[in-house]
C-alpha cells in the first residue's frame, strides 16, 4: 500500500530509491542488510555523486549477502 505525499528536497540533499531486495539481502547468519547499512553505504559515497552512491550500495549489498534471491535496484 502506498500513500500519496510530497517531499521537498533542498540543495545538497540526496534521495536514494531502492527495492526491497536491498534491505532484505541476507548474510549467512540470516541477518538482513537493513536500512542502517543502506544509509551508511550511501553516506560513504555521497560526496562523490549519485553514481558513486549507487555503486557503493550495490557493492555493500553484494559483500553482505550469501546469494541473490531478489532484485537489487538502487537509483
Protein backbone atom coordinates (compact mmCIF):
# COMPACT_ATOMS: atom_id res chain seq x y z
CA UNK A 1 0.00 0.00 0.00
CA UNK A 2 1.27 3.46 -0.80
CA UNK A 3 0.32 6.87 0.46
CA UNK A 4 0.42 9.97 -1.71
CA UNK A 5 2.53 12.73 -0.30
CA UNK A 6 5.02 15.41 -1.11
CA UNK A 7 8.71 15.67 -0.38
CA UNK A 8 10.75 18.81 -0.68
CA UNK A 9 14.45 18.39 -1.27
CA UNK A 10 16.90 21.21 -0.60
CA UNK A 11 20.15 21.78 -2.47
CA UNK A 12 22.64 19.19 -1.27
CA UNK A 13 20.00 16.64 -0.20
CA UNK A 14 20.25 13.11 -1.53
CA UNK A 15 17.31 10.82 -2.29
CA UNK A 16 18.04 7.09 -2.60
CA UNK A 17 15.29 4.91 -4.04
CA UNK A 18 15.74 1.17 -3.61
CA UNK A 19 13.92 -2.13 -3.93
CA UNK A 20 13.22 -4.49 -1.06
CA UNK A 21 15.98 -6.78 -2.34
CA UNK A 22 18.49 -4.26 -0.98
CA UNK A 23 17.38 -4.12 2.65
CA UNK A 24 16.29 -7.78 2.73
CA UNK A 25 19.57 -9.19 1.36
CA UNK A 26 20.60 -11.84 3.90
CA UNK A 27 24.00 -12.80 5.26
CA UNK A 28 24.88 -16.39 6.12
CA UNK A 29 23.60 -15.71 9.64
CA UNK A 30 20.23 -14.66 8.21
CA UNK A 31 20.74 -11.03 9.22
CA UNK A 32 19.28 -8.63 6.66
CA UNK A 33 21.33 -5.84 5.12
CA UNK A 34 18.82 -3.41 6.58
CA UNK A 35 18.17 0.29 6.45
CA UNK A 36 21.07 1.27 8.72
CA UNK A 37 23.64 -0.36 6.41
CA UNK A 38 21.93 1.20 3.39
CA UNK A 39 22.20 4.66 4.93
CA UNK A 40 25.82 4.11 5.99
CA UNK A 41 26.75 2.91 2.49
CA UNK A 42 25.10 5.90 0.84
CA UNK A 43 26.76 8.34 3.24
CA UNK A 44 30.21 6.90 2.49
CA UNK A 45 29.87 7.81 -1.17
CA UNK A 46 27.54 10.82 -1.25
CA UNK A 47 30.30 13.38 -1.75
CA UNK A 48 31.41 11.55 -4.92
CA UNK A 49 27.99 11.90 -6.58
CA UNK A 50 24.96 9.78 -7.46
CA UNK A 51 26.76 7.11 -9.49
CA UNK A 52 29.16 6.53 -6.60
CA UNK A 53 26.25 6.17 -4.17
CA UNK A 54 24.63 3.52 -6.36
CA UNK A 55 27.94 1.68 -6.81
CA UNK A 56 28.73 1.76 -3.08
CA UNK A 57 25.30 0.47 -2.03
CA UNK A 58 25.29 -2.30 -4.63
CA UNK A 59 28.82 -3.36 -3.63
CA UNK A 60 27.94 -3.34 0.07
CA UNK A 61 24.86 -5.47 -0.54
CA UNK A 62 26.88 -7.92 -2.65
CA UNK A 63 29.50 -8.22 0.11
CA UNK A 64 26.82 -8.80 2.76
CA UNK A 65 24.60 -11.39 1.11
CA UNK A 66 25.19 -15.09 0.61
CA UNK A 67 23.18 -15.30 -2.60
CA UNK A 68 21.00 -13.03 -4.67
CA UNK A 69 17.42 -14.15 -4.15
CA UNK A 70 15.72 -10.91 -5.19
CA UNK A 71 16.33 -7.94 -7.43
CA UNK A 72 18.72 -5.26 -6.17
CA UNK A 73 17.68 -1.90 -7.56
CA UNK A 74 19.18 1.41 -6.43
CA UNK A 75 18.52 4.79 -8.01
